[in-house]
PDB file of N, CA and C in Angstrom:
ATOM      1  N   MET A   1       0.826  -1.182   0.000  1.00  0.00           N
ATOM      2  CA  MET A   1       0.000   0.000   0.000  1.00  0.00           C
ATOM      3  C   MET A   1       0.874   1.249   0.000  1.00  0.00           C
ATOM      4  N   LEU A   2       2.015   1.192   0.694  1.00  0.00           N
ATOM      5  CA  LEU A   2       2.912   2.340   0.724  1.00  0.00           C
ATOM      6  C   LEU A   2       3.450   2.684  -0.659  1.00  0.00           C
ATOM      7  N   ARG A   3       3.603   1.673  -1.513  1.00  0.00           N
ATOM      8  CA  ARG A   3       4.124   1.895  -2.859  1.00  0.00           C
ATOM      9  C   ARG A   3       3.013   2.251  -3.842  1.00  0.00           C
ATOM     10  N   GLY A   4       1.791   2.374  -3.356  1.00  0.00           N
ATOM     11  CA  GLY A   4       0.674   2.722  -4.218  1.00  0.00           C
ATOM     12  C   GLY A   4       0.087   1.558  -4.989  1.00  0.00           C
ATOM     13  N   GLU A   5       0.460   0.329  -4.598  1.00  0.00           N
ATOM     14  CA  GLU A   5      -0.060  -0.852  -5.277  1.00  0.00           C
ATOM     15  C   GLU A   5      -1.416  -1.218  -4.696  1.00  0.00           C
ATOM     16  N   HIS A   6      -2.218  -1.894  -5.516  1.00  0.00           N
ATOM     17  CA  HIS A   6      -3.532  -2.347  -5.083  1.00  0.00           C
ATOM     18  C   HIS A   6      -3.385  -3.525  -4.131  1.00  0.00           C
ATOM     19  N   VAL A   7      -4.239  -3.570  -3.125  1.00  0.00           N
ATOM     20  CA  VAL A   7      -4.227  -4.648  -2.146  1.00  0.00           C
ATOM     21  C   VAL A   7      -5.648  -5.176  -1.999  1.00  0.00           C
ATOM     22  N   ALA A   8      -5.764  -6.487  -1.948  1.00  0.00           N
ATOM     23  CA  ALA A   8      -7.070  -7.104  -1.738  1.00  0.00           C
ATOM     24  C   ALA A   8      -6.944  -8.115  -0.611  1.00  0.00           C
ATOM     25  N   VAL A   9      -7.963  -8.180   0.216  1.00  0.00           N
ATOM     26  CA  VAL A   9      -7.999  -9.158   1.300  1.00  0.00           C
ATOM     27  C   VAL A   9      -9.083 -10.172   0.945  1.00  0.00           C
ATOM     28  N   LEU A  10      -8.650 -11.429   0.772  1.00  0.00           N
ATOM     29  CA  LEU A  10      -9.566 -12.490   0.389  1.00  0.00           C
ATOM     30  C   LEU A  10      -9.372 -13.686   1.311  1.00  0.00           C
ATOM     31  N   ALA A  11     -10.427 -14.441   1.508  1.00  0.00           N
ATOM     32  CA  ALA A  11     -10.334 -15.662   2.305  1.00  0.00           C
ATOM     33  C   ALA A  11      -9.642 -16.736   1.474  1.00  0.00           C
ATOM     34  N   GLU A  12      -8.797 -17.548   2.127  1.00  0.00           N
ATOM     35  CA  GLU A  12      -8.077 -18.618   1.428  1.00  0.00           C
ATOM     36  C   GLU A  12      -9.018 -19.648   0.817  1.00  0.00           C
ATOM     37  N   ASP A  13     -10.219 -19.780   1.401  1.00  0.00           N
ATOM     38  CA  ASP A  13     -11.150 -20.782   0.888  1.00  0.00           C
ATOM     39  C   ASP A  13     -12.076 -20.221  -0.199  1.00  0.00           C
ATOM     40  N   LYS A  14     -11.784 -19.013  -0.679  1.00  0.00           N
ATOM     41  CA  LYS A  14     -12.550 -18.444  -1.794  1.00  0.00           C
ATOM     42  C   LYS A  14     -12.264 -19.278  -3.036  1.00  0.00           C
ATOM     43  N   GLU A  15     -13.326 -19.568  -3.777  1.00  0.00           N
ATOM     44  CA  GLU A  15     -13.171 -20.336  -5.003  1.00  0.00           C
ATOM     45  C   GLU A  15     -13.047 -19.391  -6.198  1.00  0.00           C
ATOM     46  N   LEU A  16     -12.117 -19.734  -7.084  1.00  0.00           N
ATOM     47  CA  LEU A  16     -11.846 -18.907  -8.253  1.00  0.00           C
ATOM     48  C   LEU A  16     -12.135 -19.672  -9.529  1.00  0.00           C
ATOM     49  N   SER A  17     -12.566 -18.963 -10.528  1.00  0.00           N
ATOM     50  CA  SER A  17     -12.735 -19.543 -11.858  1.00  0.00           C
ATOM     51  C   SER A  17     -11.356 -19.647 -12.502  1.00  0.00           C
ATOM     52  N   PRO A  18     -11.229 -20.426 -13.569  1.00  0.00           N
ATOM     53  CA  PRO A  18      -9.948 -20.476 -14.278  1.00  0.00           C
ATOM     54  C   PRO A  18      -9.493 -19.098 -14.775  1.00  0.00           C
ATOM     55  N   THR A  19     -10.416 -18.255 -15.160  1.00  0.00           N
ATOM     56  CA  THR A  19     -10.066 -16.909 -15.617  1.00  0.00           C
ATOM     57  C   THR A  19      -9.468 -16.086 -14.484  1.00  0.00           C
ATOM     58  N   GLU A  20     -10.081 -16.167 -13.298  1.00  0.00           N
ATOM     59  CA  GLU A  20      -9.560 -15.441 -12.137  1.00  0.00           C
ATOM     60  C   GLU A  20      -8.201 -15.998 -11.716  1.00  0.00           C
ATOM     61  N   ALA A  21      -8.057 -17.326 -11.749  1.00  0.00           N
ATOM     62  CA  ALA A  21      -6.775 -17.952 -11.402  1.00  0.00           C
ATOM     63  C   ALA A  21      -5.695 -17.528 -12.395  1.00  0.00           C
ATOM     64  N   ALA A  22      -6.063 -17.443 -13.674  1.00  0.00           N
ATOM     65  CA  ALA A  22      -5.106 -17.039 -14.707  1.00  0.00           C
ATOM     66  C   ALA A  22      -4.573 -15.632 -14.438  1.00  0.00           C
ATOM     67  N   ALA A  23      -5.437 -14.742 -13.985  1.00  0.00           N
ATOM     68  CA  ALA A  23      -5.010 -13.370 -13.688  1.00  0.00           C
ATOM     69  C   ALA A  23      -4.003 -13.349 -12.552  1.00  0.00           C
ATOM     70  N   ILE A  24      -4.214 -14.165 -11.535  1.00  0.00           N
ATOM     71  CA  ILE A  24      -3.289 -14.224 -10.400  1.00  0.00           C
ATOM     72  C   ILE A  24      -1.971 -14.864 -10.807  1.00  0.00           C
ATOM     73  N   LEU A  25      -2.055 -15.944 -11.579  1.00  0.00           N
ATOM     74  CA  LEU A  25      -0.865 -16.675 -11.989  1.00  0.00           C
ATOM     75  C   LEU A  25      -0.113 -16.003 -13.136  1.00  0.00           C
ATOM     76  N   ARG A  26      -0.780 -15.075 -13.803  1.00  0.00           N
ATOM     77  CA  ARG A  26      -0.224 -14.383 -14.965  1.00  0.00           C
ATOM     78  C   ARG A  26       0.131 -15.361 -16.084  1.00  0.00           C
ATOM     79  N   ILE A  27      -0.788 -16.296 -16.290  1.00  0.00           N
ATOM     80  CA  ILE A  27      -0.702 -17.219 -17.413  1.00  0.00           C
ATOM     81  C   ILE A  27      -2.079 -17.243 -18.074  1.00  0.00           C
ATOM     82  N   SER A  28      -2.168 -17.853 -19.228  1.00  0.00           N
ATOM     83  CA  SER A  28      -3.445 -17.870 -19.939  1.00  0.00           C
ATOM     84  C   SER A  28      -4.437 -18.823 -19.275  1.00  0.00           C
ATOM     85  N   ARG A  29      -5.713 -18.595 -19.541  1.00  0.00           N
ATOM     86  CA  ARG A  29      -6.759 -19.476 -19.023  1.00  0.00           C
ATOM     87  C   ARG A  29      -6.575 -20.908 -19.494  1.00  0.00           C
ATOM     88  N   PRO A  30      -6.255 -21.148 -20.802  1.00  0.00           N
ATOM     89  CA  PRO A  30      -6.024 -22.533 -21.223  1.00  0.00           C
ATOM     90  C   PRO A  30      -4.884 -23.216 -20.460  1.00  0.00           C
ATOM     91  N   LEU A  31      -3.848 -22.472 -20.096  1.00  0.00           N
ATOM     92  CA  LEU A  31      -2.769 -23.070 -19.303  1.00  0.00           C
ATOM     93  C   LEU A  31      -3.240 -23.417 -17.895  1.00  0.00           C
ATOM     94  N   VAL A  32      -4.124 -22.606 -17.332  1.00  0.00           N
ATOM     95  CA  VAL A  32      -4.696 -22.928 -16.023  1.00  0.00           C
ATOM     96  C   VAL A  32      -5.485 -24.232 -16.113  1.00  0.00           C
ATOM     97  N   VAL A  33      -6.301 -24.365 -17.141  1.00  0.00           N
ATOM     98  CA  VAL A  33      -7.085 -25.588 -17.327  1.00  0.00           C
ATOM     99  C   VAL A  33      -6.153 -26.788 -17.508  1.00  0.00           C
ATOM    100  N   LEU A  34      -5.069 -26.606 -18.259  1.00  0.00           N
ATOM    101  CA  LEU A  34      -4.092 -27.679 -18.437  1.00  0.00           C
ATOM    102  C   LEU A  34      -3.479 -28.076 -17.097  1.00  0.00           C
ATOM    103  N   ARG A  35      -3.123 -27.089 -16.287  1.00  0.00           N
ATOM    104  CA  ARG A  35      -2.575 -27.371 -14.947  1.00  0.00           C
ATOM    105  C   ARG A  35      -3.594 -28.124 -14.094  1.00  0.00           C
ATOM    106  N   MET A  36      -4.841 -27.766 -14.213  1.00  0.00           N
ATOM    107  CA  MET A  36      -5.896 -28.470 -13.486  1.00  0.00           C
ATOM    108  C   MET A  36      -5.982 -29.921 -13.958  1.00  0.00           C
ATOM    109  N   ASP A  37      -5.990 -30.115 -15.274  1.00  0.00           N
ATOM    110  CA  ASP A  37      -6.106 -31.462 -15.831  1.00  0.00           C
ATOM    111  C   ASP A  37      -4.908 -32.336 -15.465  1.00  0.00           C
ATOM    112  N   ARG A  38      -3.717 -31.728 -15.355  1.00  0.00           N
ATOM    113  CA  ARG A  38      -2.511 -32.479 -15.000  1.00  0.00           C
ATOM    114  C   ARG A  38      -2.402 -32.749 -13.501  1.00  0.00           C
ATOM    115  N   GLY A  39      -3.255 -32.093 -12.710  1.00  0.00           N
ATOM    116  CA  GLY A  39      -3.207 -32.288 -11.270  1.00  0.00           C
ATOM    117  C   GLY A  39      -2.319 -31.298 -10.542  1.00  0.00           C
ATOM    118  N   ASP A  40      -1.773 -30.320 -11.259  1.00  0.00           N
ATOM    119  CA  ASP A  40      -0.935 -29.299 -10.627  1.00  0.00           C
ATOM    120  C   ASP A  40      -1.757 -28.324  -9.794  1.00  0.00           C
ATOM    121  N   LEU A  41      -3.029 -28.167 -10.143  1.00  0.00           N
ATOM    122  CA  LEU A  41      -3.921 -27.242  -9.448  1.00  0.00           C
ATOM    123  C   LEU A  41      -5.221 -27.972  -9.132  1.00  0.00           C
ATOM    124  N   PRO A  42      -5.416 -28.306  -7.860  1.00  0.00           N
ATOM    125  CA  PRO A  42      -6.656 -28.994  -7.484  1.00  0.00           C
ATOM    126  C   PRO A  42      -7.873 -28.122  -7.788  1.00  0.00           C
ATOM    127  N   PHE A  43      -8.965 -28.772  -8.157  1.00  0.00           N
ATOM    128  CA  PHE A  43     -10.193 -28.034  -8.464  1.00  0.00           C
ATOM    129  C   PHE A  43     -11.385 -28.953  -8.246  1.00  0.00           C
ATOM    130  N   ARG A  44     -12.548 -28.349  -8.303  1.00  0.00           N
ATOM    131  CA  ARG A  44     -13.783 -29.116  -8.264  1.00  0.00           C
ATOM    132  C   ARG A  44     -14.733 -28.510  -9.281  1.00  0.00           C
ATOM    133  N   TYR A  45     -15.707 -29.301  -9.655  1.00  0.00           N
ATOM    134  CA  TYR A  45     -16.725 -28.804 -10.569  1.00  0.00           C
ATOM    135  C   TYR A  45     -17.894 -28.258  -9.770  1.00  0.00           C
ATOM    136  N   VAL A  46     -18.398 -27.115 -10.189  1.00  0.00           N
ATOM    137  CA  VAL A  46     -19.648 -26.560  -9.698  1.00  0.00           C
ATOM    138  C   VAL A  46     -20.542 -26.540 -10.927  1.00  0.00           C
ATOM    139  N   GLY A  47     -21.401 -27.550 -11.019  1.00  0.00           N
ATOM    140  CA  GLY A  47     -22.122 -27.762 -12.272  1.00  0.00           C
ATOM    141  C   GLY A  47     -21.104 -28.250 -13.289  1.00  0.00           C
ATOM    142  N   LYS A  48     -20.947 -27.511 -14.368  1.00  0.00           N
ATOM    143  CA  LYS A  48     -19.909 -27.875 -15.323  1.00  0.00           C
ATOM    144  C   LYS A  48     -18.763 -26.863 -15.342  1.00  0.00           C
ATOM    145  N   HIS A  49     -18.715 -26.015 -14.315  1.00  0.00           N
ATOM    146  CA  HIS A  49     -17.675 -24.997 -14.203  1.00  0.00           C
ATOM    147  C   HIS A  49     -16.615 -25.428 -13.195  1.00  0.00           C
ATOM    148  N   ARG A  50     -15.363 -25.191 -13.538  1.00  0.00           N
ATOM    149  CA  ARG A  50     -14.251 -25.523 -12.647  1.00  0.00           C
ATOM    150  C   ARG A  50     -14.047 -24.405 -11.628  1.00  0.00           C
ATOM    151  N   ARG A  51     -13.690 -24.798 -10.421  1.00  0.00           N
ATOM    152  CA  ARG A  51     -13.369 -23.838  -9.371  1.00  0.00           C
ATOM    153  C   ARG A  51     -12.160 -24.346  -8.598  1.00  0.00           C
ATOM    154  N   ALA A  52     -11.216 -23.445  -8.324  1.00  0.00           N
ATOM    155  CA  ALA A  52     -10.020 -23.765  -7.545  1.00  0.00           C
ATOM    156  C   ALA A  52      -9.987 -22.850  -6.324  1.00  0.00           C
ATOM    157  N   LEU A  53      -9.482 -23.375  -5.223  1.00  0.00           N
ATOM    158  CA  LEU A  53      -9.359 -22.565  -4.019  1.00  0.00           C
ATOM    159  C   LEU A  53      -8.219 -21.563  -4.166  1.00  0.00           C
ATOM    160  N   LEU A  54      -8.427 -20.371  -3.636  1.00  0.00           N
ATOM    161  CA  LEU A  54      -7.404 -19.327  -3.684  1.00  0.00           C
ATOM    162  C   LEU A  54      -6.094 -19.833  -3.098  1.00  0.00           C
ATOM    163  N   LYS A  55      -6.154 -20.569  -1.980  1.00  0.00           N
ATOM    164  CA  LYS A  55      -4.915 -21.039  -1.351  1.00  0.00           C
ATOM    165  C   LYS A  55      -4.147 -21.970  -2.277  1.00  0.00           C
ATOM    166  N   ASP A  56      -4.845 -22.778  -3.077  1.00  0.00           N
ATOM    167  CA  ASP A  56      -4.177 -23.666  -4.023  1.00  0.00           C
ATOM    168  C   ASP A  56      -3.567 -22.881  -5.179  1.00  0.00           C
ATOM    169  N   VAL A  57      -4.258 -21.842  -5.627  1.00  0.00           N
ATOM    170  CA  VAL A  57      -3.731 -20.989  -6.691  1.00  0.00           C
ATOM    171  C   VAL A  57      -2.469 -20.282  -6.202  1.00  0.00           C
ATOM    172  N   LEU A  58      -2.496 -19.765  -4.974  1.00  0.00           N
ATOM    173  CA  LEU A  58      -1.329 -19.075  -4.427  1.00  0.00           C
ATOM    174  C   LEU A  58      -0.164 -20.028  -4.218  1.00  0.00           C
ATOM    175  N   GLU A  59      -0.448 -21.259  -3.846  1.00  0.00           N
ATOM    176  CA  GLU A  59       0.611 -22.267  -3.688  1.00  0.00           C
ATOM    177  C   GLU A  59       1.260 -22.568  -5.037  1.00  0.00           C
ATOM    178  N   LEU A  60       0.453 -22.728  -6.073  1.00  0.00           N
ATOM    179  CA  LEU A  60       0.994 -22.950  -7.409  1.00  0.00           C
ATOM    180  C   LEU A  60       1.798 -21.744  -7.854  1.00  0.00           C
ATOM    181  N   LYS A  61       1.319 -20.538  -7.585  1.00  0.00           N
ATOM    182  CA  LYS A  61       2.056 -19.326  -7.951  1.00  0.00           C
ATOM    183  C   LYS A  61       3.412 -19.301  -7.279  1.00  0.00           C
ATOM    184  N   SER A  62       3.465 -19.707  -6.020  1.00  0.00           N
ATOM    185  CA  SER A  62       4.736 -19.757  -5.301  1.00  0.00           C
ATOM    186  C   SER A  62       5.701 -20.731  -5.973  1.00  0.00           C
ATOM    187  N   ARG A  63       5.201 -21.911  -6.352  1.00  0.00           N
ATOM    188  CA  ARG A  63       6.056 -22.903  -7.022  1.00  0.00           C
ATOM    189  C   ARG A  63       6.530 -22.382  -8.379  1.00  0.00           C
ATOM    190  N   LEU A  64       5.631 -21.733  -9.117  1.00  0.00           N
ATOM    191  CA  LEU A  64       6.019 -21.180 -10.412  1.00  0.00           C
ATOM    192  C   LEU A  64       7.035 -20.057 -10.265  1.00  0.00           C
ATOM    193  N   ASP A  65       6.883 -19.233  -9.223  1.00  0.00           N
ATOM    194  CA  ASP A  65       7.824 -18.138  -8.980  1.00  0.00           C
ATOM    195  C   ASP A  65       9.221 -18.677  -8.650  1.00  0.00           C
ATOM    196  N   VAL A  66       9.285 -19.751  -7.854  1.00  0.00           N
ATOM    197  CA  VAL A  66      10.573 -20.369  -7.513  1.00  0.00           C
ATOM    198  C   VAL A  66      11.226 -20.919  -8.777  1.00  0.00           C
ATOM    199  N   ARG A  67      10.427 -21.595  -9.602  1.00  0.00           N
ATOM    200  CA  ARG A  67      10.951 -22.155 -10.859  1.00  0.00           C
ATOM    201  C   ARG A  67      11.455 -21.040 -11.769  1.00  0.00           C
ATOM    202  N   GLN A  68      10.699 -19.946 -11.864  1.00  0.00           N
ATOM    203  CA  GLN A  68      11.110 -18.838 -12.723  1.00  0.00           C
ATOM    204  C   GLN A  68      12.395 -18.198 -12.217  1.00  0.00           C
ATOM    205  N   ALA A  69      12.540 -18.069 -10.901  1.00  0.00           N
ATOM    206  CA  ALA A  69      13.760 -17.503 -10.333  1.00  0.00           C
ATOM    207  C   ALA A  69      14.964 -18.380 -10.671  1.00  0.00           C
ATOM    208  N   ALA A  70      14.793 -19.692 -10.615  1.00  0.00           N
ATOM    209  CA  ALA A  70      15.880 -20.611 -10.961  1.00  0.00           C
ATOM    210  C   ALA A  70      16.236 -20.482 -12.443  1.00  0.00           C
ATOM    211  N   LEU A  71      15.228 -20.376 -13.305  1.00  0.00           N
ATOM    212  CA  LEU A  71      15.490 -20.205 -14.736  1.00  0.00           C
ATOM    213  C   LEU A  71      16.194 -18.879 -15.021  1.00  0.00           C
ATOM    214  N   ASP A  72      15.800 -17.824 -14.319  1.00  0.00           N
ATOM    215  CA  ASP A  72      16.449 -16.525 -14.493  1.00  0.00           C
ATOM    216  C   ASP A  72      17.913 -16.589 -14.071  1.00  0.00           C
ATOM    217  N   ALA A  73      18.189 -17.268 -12.946  1.00  0.00           N
ATOM    218  CA  ALA A  73      19.572 -17.413 -12.475  1.00  0.00           C
ATOM    219  C   ALA A  73      20.392 -18.221 -13.473  1.00  0.00           C
ATOM    220  N   LEU A  74      19.820 -19.276 -14.023  1.00  0.00           N
ATOM    221  CA  LEU A  74      20.507 -20.094 -15.017  1.00  0.00           C
ATOM    222  C   LEU A  74      20.808 -19.272 -16.274  1.00  0.00           C
ATOM    223  N   ALA A  75      19.852 -18.477 -16.702  1.00  0.00           N
ATOM    224  CA  ALA A  75      20.070 -17.630 -17.880  1.00  0.00           C
ATOM    225  C   ALA A  75      21.176 -16.616 -17.618  1.00  0.00           C
ATOM    226  N   GLU A  76      21.200 -16.055 -16.433  1.00  0.00           N
ATOM    227  CA  GLU A  76      22.241 -15.094 -16.075  1.00  0.00           C
ATOM    228  C   GLU A  76      23.614 -15.763 -16.066  1.00  0.00           C
ATOM    229  N   ASP A  77      23.688 -16.968 -15.502  1.00  0.00           N
ATOM    230  CA  ASP A  77      24.955 -17.713 -15.481  1.00  0.00           C
ATOM    231  C   ASP A  77      25.409 -18.038 -16.901  1.00  0.00           C
ATOM    232  N   THR A  78      24.482 -18.403 -17.758  1.00  0.00           N
ATOM    233  CA  THR A  78      24.802 -18.728 -19.139  1.00  0.00           C
ATOM    234  C   THR A  78      25.344 -17.503 -19.866  1.00  0.00           C
ATOM    235  N   GLU A  79      24.702 -16.363 -19.673  1.00  0.00           N
ATOM    236  CA  GLU A  79      25.181 -15.127 -20.289  1.00  0.00           C
ATOM    237  C   GLU A  79      26.574 -14.764 -19.790  1.00  0.00           C
ATOM    238  N   ASP A  80      26.813 -14.986 -18.495  1.00  0.00           N
ATOM    239  CA  ASP A  80      28.129 -14.701 -17.922  1.00  0.00           C
ATOM    240  C   ASP A  80      29.187 -15.617 -18.544  1.00  0.00           C
ATOM    241  N   LEU A  81      28.868 -16.891 -18.714  1.00  0.00           N
ATOM    242  CA  LEU A  81      29.804 -17.824 -19.340  1.00  0.00           C
ATOM    243  C   LEU A  81      30.106 -17.424 -20.774  1.00  0.00           C
ATOM    244  N   ILE A  82      29.096 -16.993 -21.488  1.00  0.00           N
ATOM    245  CA  ILE A  82      29.296 -16.572 -22.877  1.00  0.00           C
ATOM    246  C   ILE A  82      30.214 -15.348 -22.936  1.00  0.00           C
ATOM    247  N   GLU A  83      29.955 -14.375 -22.059  1.00  0.00           N
ATOM    248  CA  GLU A  83      30.768 -13.161 -22.043  1.00  0.00           C
ATOM    249  C   GLU A  83      32.193 -13.436 -21.581  1.00  0.00           C
ATOM    250  N   THR A  84      32.344 -14.280 -20.571  1.00  0.00           N
ATOM    251  CA  THR A  84      33.649 -14.548 -19.977  1.00  0.00           C
ATOM    252  C   THR A  84      34.498 -15.486 -20.822  1.00  0.00           C
ATOM    253  N   HIS A  85      33.898 -16.541 -21.338  1.00  0.00           N
ATOM    254  CA  HIS A  85      34.649 -17.588 -22.004  1.00  0.00           C
ATOM    255  C   HIS A  85      34.339 -17.723 -23.486  1.00  0.00           C
ATOM    256  N   GLY A  86      33.449 -16.908 -23.988  1.00  0.00           N
ATOM    257  CA  GLY A  86      33.128 -16.944 -25.398  1.00  0.00           C
ATOM    258  C   GLY A  86      32.474 -18.236 -25.845  1.00  0.00           C
ATOM    259  N   LEU A  87      31.737 -18.871 -24.953  1.00  0.00           N
ATOM    260  CA  LEU A  87      31.078 -20.129 -25.305  1.00  0.00           C
ATOM    261  C   LEU A  87      29.830 -19.891 -26.116  1.00  0.00           C
TER     262      LEU A  87
END
């Protein structure tokens, strides 16, 4: 809030649609559905609509953020090797 960013307070047991989950995860809706189908993101059907718990979406986001940080570090190391050793 001090930096002027938006803040929302939500219950962990709030159910989200794939579209809402996609916005939080910053990936496309079809990728969210794929993650659900693969078992990476638990969900349930409400009628014929998928719903995932906010806490599960945030847990997946945390795992994706860790993976992205590792990929960024690897890319940085690769660039350093190229610059240093001309590989």
